[in-house]
């Protein structure tokens, strides 16, 4: 056997440290938890992002791509701030190109701010409640259609249907289908509740369910009526909230016959 080659002492210490680092790295690799199936990549440069990168859940290639995307967004933001500083503002959104509303004398009478402060209601539903209050005028009831409200609000009938469902669900409106004498659904009759009215008008129903111009001697005849189940009528009317909850059903579906 040949003699063991002589190695300087400082090289022996460096070799031992390198072996110790490699062994520690291998133990760290084996101790790392595997990437979960429902893992969602955190925002770039966040502590959670770097923790996931250290655990090997985010590869170096992904980290480099995220870094380049972050730098590109930052460059665009700085460029926009630079232009804004010299009076060159970014282009306005598309909604600014919409025509202004036509002149109208319609206005909303007094109403409480409860619906405006309700965080459960979307902003569109709050605006729709104000429009319905204006349509009621001095009364608490109005007859309309989803198409009419959609044209007023500049939304689709399906969006108006969701707004009405929110207001009915949280007790700001009472709604009922209006049918023709033939059974066809022709509209909606909406009542505002006490939650919409101010405190000095709460509890006063007024002429809510009376027909305009009706007297005791000469009642006004109409082919429209609120839907009420009867022996020869269609199936019982479901609550309006459940009707609005049917996402894939037609917007003006007729009740089925028995």
Protein backbone atom coordinates (compact mmCIF):
# COMPACT_ATOMS: atom_id res chain seq x y z
CA UNK A 1 0.00 0.00 0.00
CA UNK A 2 1.18 3.48 -0.85
CA UNK A 3 1.66 6.18 1.71
CA UNK A 4 -1.24 8.60 2.41
CA UNK A 5 -0.62 11.87 0.55
CA UNK A 6 0.08 14.81 2.77
CA UNK A 7 -2.65 17.52 2.83
CA UNK A 8 -2.17 20.93 4.40
CA UNK A 9 -4.08 21.51 7.62
CA UNK A 10 -6.17 24.47 6.32
CA UNK A 11 -7.33 22.37 3.36
CA UNK A 12 -8.41 19.59 5.72
CA UNK A 13 -10.60 22.03 7.67
CA UNK A 14 -12.15 23.40 4.43
CA UNK A 15 -12.89 19.88 3.20
CA UNK A 16 -14.55 18.95 6.51
CA UNK A 17 -16.72 22.11 6.44
CA UNK A 18 -17.79 21.43 2.88
CA UNK A 19 -18.79 17.86 3.75
CA UNK A 20 -20.74 19.13 6.77
CA UNK A 21 -22.61 21.71 4.62
CA UNK A 22 -23.50 19.08 2.03
CA UNK A 23 -24.79 16.74 4.72
CA UNK A 24 -26.89 19.53 6.28
CA UNK A 25 -28.29 20.48 2.87
CA UNK A 26 -29.27 16.88 2.17
CA UNK A 27 -30.99 16.63 5.56
CA UNK A 28 -32.85 19.88 4.84
CA UNK A 29 -33.98 18.59 1.45
CA UNK A 30 -35.33 15.39 2.97
CA UNK A 31 -37.07 17.29 5.81
CA UNK A 32 -38.87 19.74 3.50
CA UNK A 33 -42.63 19.19 3.28
CA UNK A 34 -44.03 18.43 -0.14
CA UNK A 35 -46.00 21.07 -2.04
CA UNK A 36 -49.73 20.81 -1.15
CA UNK A 37 -52.23 20.24 -3.92
CA UNK A 38 -54.25 23.37 -3.09
CA UNK A 39 -51.19 25.63 -2.92
CA UNK A 40 -51.81 29.17 -4.18
CA UNK A 41 -48.75 31.24 -5.03
CA UNK A 42 -48.53 34.28 -2.70
CA UNK A 43 -47.86 37.79 -4.04
CA UNK A 44 -44.32 38.43 -5.18
CA UNK A 45 -41.93 39.87 -2.60
CA UNK A 46 -44.19 38.93 0.30
CA UNK A 47 -42.77 36.95 3.25
CA UNK A 48 -45.01 34.00 2.35
CA UNK A 49 -43.60 34.03 -1.19
CA UNK A 50 -40.01 33.77 -0.02
CA UNK A 51 -40.95 31.11 2.50
CA UNK A 52 -42.54 29.01 -0.25
CA UNK A 53 -39.48 29.60 -2.44
CA UNK A 54 -37.20 28.45 0.38
CA UNK A 55 -39.27 25.27 0.81
CA UNK A 56 -38.92 24.52 -2.89
CA UNK A 57 -42.62 25.03 -3.69
CA UNK A 58 -41.66 27.79 -6.14
CA UNK A 59 -38.85 27.01 -8.55
CA UNK A 60 -36.08 29.40 -9.51
CA UNK A 61 -37.55 29.72 -13.00
CA UNK A 62 -40.93 30.78 -11.60
CA UNK A 63 -39.25 33.23 -9.24
CA UNK A 64 -37.31 34.82 -12.10
CA UNK A 65 -40.47 35.11 -14.23
CA UNK A 66 -42.34 36.70 -11.31
CA UNK A 67 -39.46 39.14 -10.79
CA UNK A 68 -39.50 40.23 -14.45
CA UNK A 69 -43.31 40.66 -14.37
CA UNK A 70 -43.03 42.73 -11.18
CA UNK A 71 -40.35 44.96 -12.70
CA UNK A 72 -42.49 45.48 -15.82
CA UNK A 73 -45.52 46.52 -13.72
CA UNK A 74 -43.36 48.83 -11.64
CA UNK A 75 -41.93 50.43 -14.77
CA UNK A 76 -45.44 51.09 -16.15
CA UNK A 77 -46.55 52.56 -12.83
CA UNK A 78 -43.54 54.88 -12.65
CA UNK A 79 -44.11 55.95 -16.24
CA UNK A 80 -47.76 56.77 -15.48
CA UNK A 81 -46.74 58.77 -12.41
CA UNK A 82 -44.14 60.63 -14.46
CA UNK A 83 -46.73 61.54 -17.11
CA UNK A 84 -49.26 62.59 -14.45
CA UNK A 85 -46.65 64.91 -12.94
CA UNK A 86 -46.41 66.79 -16.25
CA UNK A 87 -50.18 67.00 -16.81
CA UNK A 88 -50.41 63.96 -19.10
CA UNK A 89 -53.10 61.97 -17.32
CA UNK A 90 -54.01 58.43 -18.40
CA UNK A 91 -57.03 58.05 -20.72
CA UNK A 92 -60.43 58.15 -18.98
CA UNK A 93 -62.40 54.91 -18.51
CA UNK A 94 -64.98 53.86 -21.07
CA UNK A 95 -67.91 54.84 -18.87
CA UNK A 96 -66.94 58.50 -19.28
CA UNK A 97 -67.85 58.16 -22.97
CA UNK A 98 -71.46 57.27 -22.16
CA UNK A 99 -74.08 59.96 -22.89
CA UNK A 100 -75.36 62.11 -20.05
CA UNK A 101 -78.83 61.29 -18.67
CA UNK A 102 -81.71 63.17 -20.22
CA UNK A 103 -83.33 65.99 -18.29
CA UNK A 104 -86.09 64.85 -15.96
CA UNK A 105 -88.19 66.27 -13.14
CA UNK A 106 -88.28 62.97 -11.29
CA UNK A 107 -86.95 63.12 -7.75
CA UNK A 108 -86.93 60.87 -4.72
CA UNK A 109 -88.88 61.92 -1.67
CA UNK A 110 -87.60 61.60 1.88
CA UNK A 111 -86.08 58.24 2.72
CA UNK A 112 -83.87 56.80 5.44
CA UNK A 113 -80.17 56.20 4.93
CA UNK A 114 -80.37 52.65 6.28
CA UNK A 115 -80.10 50.99 2.89
CA UNK A 116 -77.18 53.23 1.92
CA UNK A 117 -75.29 52.21 5.07
CA UNK A 118 -76.06 48.51 4.73
CA UNK A 119 -72.81 46.74 3.86
CA UNK A 120 -74.68 43.64 2.77
CA UNK A 121 -76.17 45.49 -0.21
CA UNK A 122 -74.23 46.24 -3.38
CA UNK A 123 -73.95 49.79 -4.68
CA UNK A 124 -76.15 48.99 -7.67
CA UNK A 125 -78.94 47.70 -5.43
CA UNK A 126 -78.73 50.86 -3.30
CA UNK A 127 -79.09 53.04 -6.40
CA UNK A 128 -82.02 50.93 -7.58
CA UNK A 129 -83.74 51.39 -4.21
CA UNK A 130 -83.49 55.16 -4.65
CA UNK A 131 -85.00 54.92 -8.16
CA UNK A 132 -87.88 52.78 -6.87
CA UNK A 133 -88.49 55.29 -4.07
CA UNK A 134 -88.70 58.04 -6.69
CA UNK A 135 -91.14 56.00 -8.79
CA UNK A 136 -93.39 55.50 -5.75
CA UNK A 137 -93.75 59.26 -5.24
CA UNK A 138 -96.13 59.98 -2.37
CA UNK A 139 -97.23 56.34 -2.28
CA UNK A 140 -95.42 53.20 -1.20
CA UNK A 141 -96.13 51.10 -4.27
CA UNK A 142 -95.19 51.11 -7.95
CA UNK A 143 -95.83 48.77 -10.87
CA UNK A 144 -92.96 48.28 -13.28
CA UNK A 145 -90.94 45.65 -15.14
CA UNK A 146 -87.36 44.51 -15.01
CA UNK A 147 -86.86 45.81 -18.54
CA UNK A 148 -87.99 49.30 -17.57
CA UNK A 149 -85.69 49.38 -14.54
CA UNK A 150 -82.85 48.05 -16.68
CA UNK A 151 -83.31 50.89 -19.17
CA UNK A 152 -83.37 53.46 -16.37
CA UNK A 153 -80.29 52.09 -14.62
CA UNK A 154 -78.33 51.21 -17.75
CA UNK A 155 -78.01 47.58 -16.68
CA UNK A 156 -79.22 44.24 -17.97
CA UNK A 157 -82.52 42.72 -16.76
CA UNK A 158 -80.54 39.91 -15.13
CA UNK A 159 -78.56 42.44 -13.10
CA UNK A 160 -81.80 44.18 -12.05
CA UNK A 161 -83.11 40.77 -11.01
CA UNK A 162 -80.12 40.31 -8.69
CA UNK A 163 -80.55 43.81 -7.25
CA UNK A 164 -84.22 43.18 -6.50
CA UNK A 165 -83.38 39.83 -4.90
CA UNK A 166 -80.96 41.58 -2.53
CA UNK A 167 -83.48 44.25 -1.54
CA UNK A 168 -86.22 41.67 -0.98
CA UNK A 169 -83.93 39.37 0.98
CA UNK A 170 -82.83 42.04 3.46
CA UNK A 171 -86.30 43.52 3.97
CA UNK A 172 -86.20 46.76 1.97
CA UNK A 173 -88.77 45.75 -0.65
CA UNK A 174 -91.84 43.58 -0.96
CA UNK A 175 -92.50 42.30 -4.46
CA UNK A 176 -95.26 40.43 -6.20
CA UNK A 177 -95.84 39.35 -9.76
CA UNK A 178 -98.54 41.13 -11.78
CA UNK A 179 -100.51 39.00 -14.22
CA UNK A 180 -103.01 39.65 -16.98
CA UNK A 181 -106.47 38.13 -16.85
CA UNK A 182 -105.15 35.50 -19.26
CA UNK A 183 -102.50 34.44 -16.74
CA UNK A 184 -99.51 36.04 -18.44
CA UNK A 185 -96.96 37.68 -16.15
CA UNK A 186 -96.71 41.31 -17.27
CA UNK A 187 -94.73 43.02 -14.53
CA UNK A 188 -93.85 43.47 -10.89
CA UNK A 189 -95.61 45.32 -8.09
CA UNK A 190 -93.06 46.66 -5.62
CA UNK A 191 -93.70 48.01 -2.12
CA UNK A 192 -91.10 49.86 -0.09
CA UNK A 193 -90.95 48.81 3.56
CA UNK A 194 -90.57 50.84 6.73
CA UNK A 195 -86.80 50.34 6.54
CA UNK A 196 -86.69 52.66 3.51
CA UNK A 197 -88.94 55.40 4.91
CA UNK A 198 -87.79 57.94 7.52
CA UNK A 199 -88.80 57.57 11.14
CA UNK A 200 -91.68 60.09 10.89
CA UNK A 201 -93.34 58.12 8.07
CA UNK A 202 -92.73 54.56 9.26
CA UNK A 203 -95.87 52.52 9.83
CA UNK A 204 -98.07 54.67 7.54
CA UNK A 205 -99.20 52.50 4.67
CA UNK A 206 -101.34 55.17 3.03
CA UNK A 207 -103.06 54.15 -0.21
CA UNK A 208 -100.59 51.39 -0.89
CA UNK A 209 -102.82 48.77 -2.49
CA UNK A 210 -105.52 51.08 -3.86
CA UNK A 211 -105.76 51.66 -7.58
CA UNK A 212 -105.21 55.26 -8.70
CA UNK A 213 -108.48 57.10 -9.22
CA UNK A 214 -110.62 54.42 -7.57
CA UNK A 215 -113.64 55.54 -5.50
CA UNK A 216 -116.36 53.69 -3.69
CA UNK A 217 -119.00 54.63 -6.30
CA UNK A 218 -117.11 54.08 -9.54
CA UNK A 219 -114.17 51.65 -9.17
CA UNK A 220 -111.58 51.64 -11.91
CA UNK A 221 -111.65 48.44 -13.94
CA UNK A 222 -108.34 46.89 -14.96
CA UNK A 223 -107.21 43.70 -16.65
CA UNK A 224 -104.17 43.52 -14.35
CA UNK A 225 -104.24 41.86 -10.98
CA UNK A 226 -101.86 40.64 -8.29
CA UNK A 227 -101.34 36.93 -8.48
CA UNK A 228 -103.37 35.00 -5.91
CA UNK A 229 -103.85 31.21 -6.00
CA UNK A 230 -107.39 29.98 -6.62
CA UNK A 231 -109.30 26.84 -7.64
CA UNK A 232 -108.88 27.56 -11.37
CA UNK A 233 -105.61 29.43 -11.23
CA UNK A 234 -102.09 28.29 -11.81
CA UNK A 235 -99.79 26.73 -9.24
CA UNK A 236 -99.26 28.73 -6.03
CA UNK A 237 -96.84 31.59 -6.43
CA UNK A 238 -93.41 30.97 -4.96
CA UNK A 239 -91.72 33.67 -2.86
CA UNK A 240 -90.16 36.27 -5.09
CA UNK A 241 -86.74 35.75 -3.55
CA UNK A 242 -86.75 32.10 -4.63
CA UNK A 243 -87.93 33.15 -8.09
CA UNK A 244 -85.02 35.59 -8.41
CA UNK A 245 -82.60 32.95 -7.15
CA UNK A 246 -83.14 30.81 -10.25
CA UNK A 247 -80.14 31.93 -12.23
CA UNK A 248 -80.71 29.90 -15.36
CA UNK A 249 -84.47 30.36 -15.62
CA UNK A 250 -86.05 32.81 -18.13
CA UNK A 251 -86.54 36.29 -16.73
CA UNK A 252 -90.30 36.42 -17.51
CA UNK A 253 -91.33 32.82 -17.10
CA UNK A 254 -95.05 32.08 -16.65
CA UNK A 255 -96.23 29.92 -13.73
CA UNK A 256 -97.07 26.39 -14.78
CA UNK A 257 -100.68 25.23 -14.75
CA UNK A 258 -101.85 22.51 -12.41
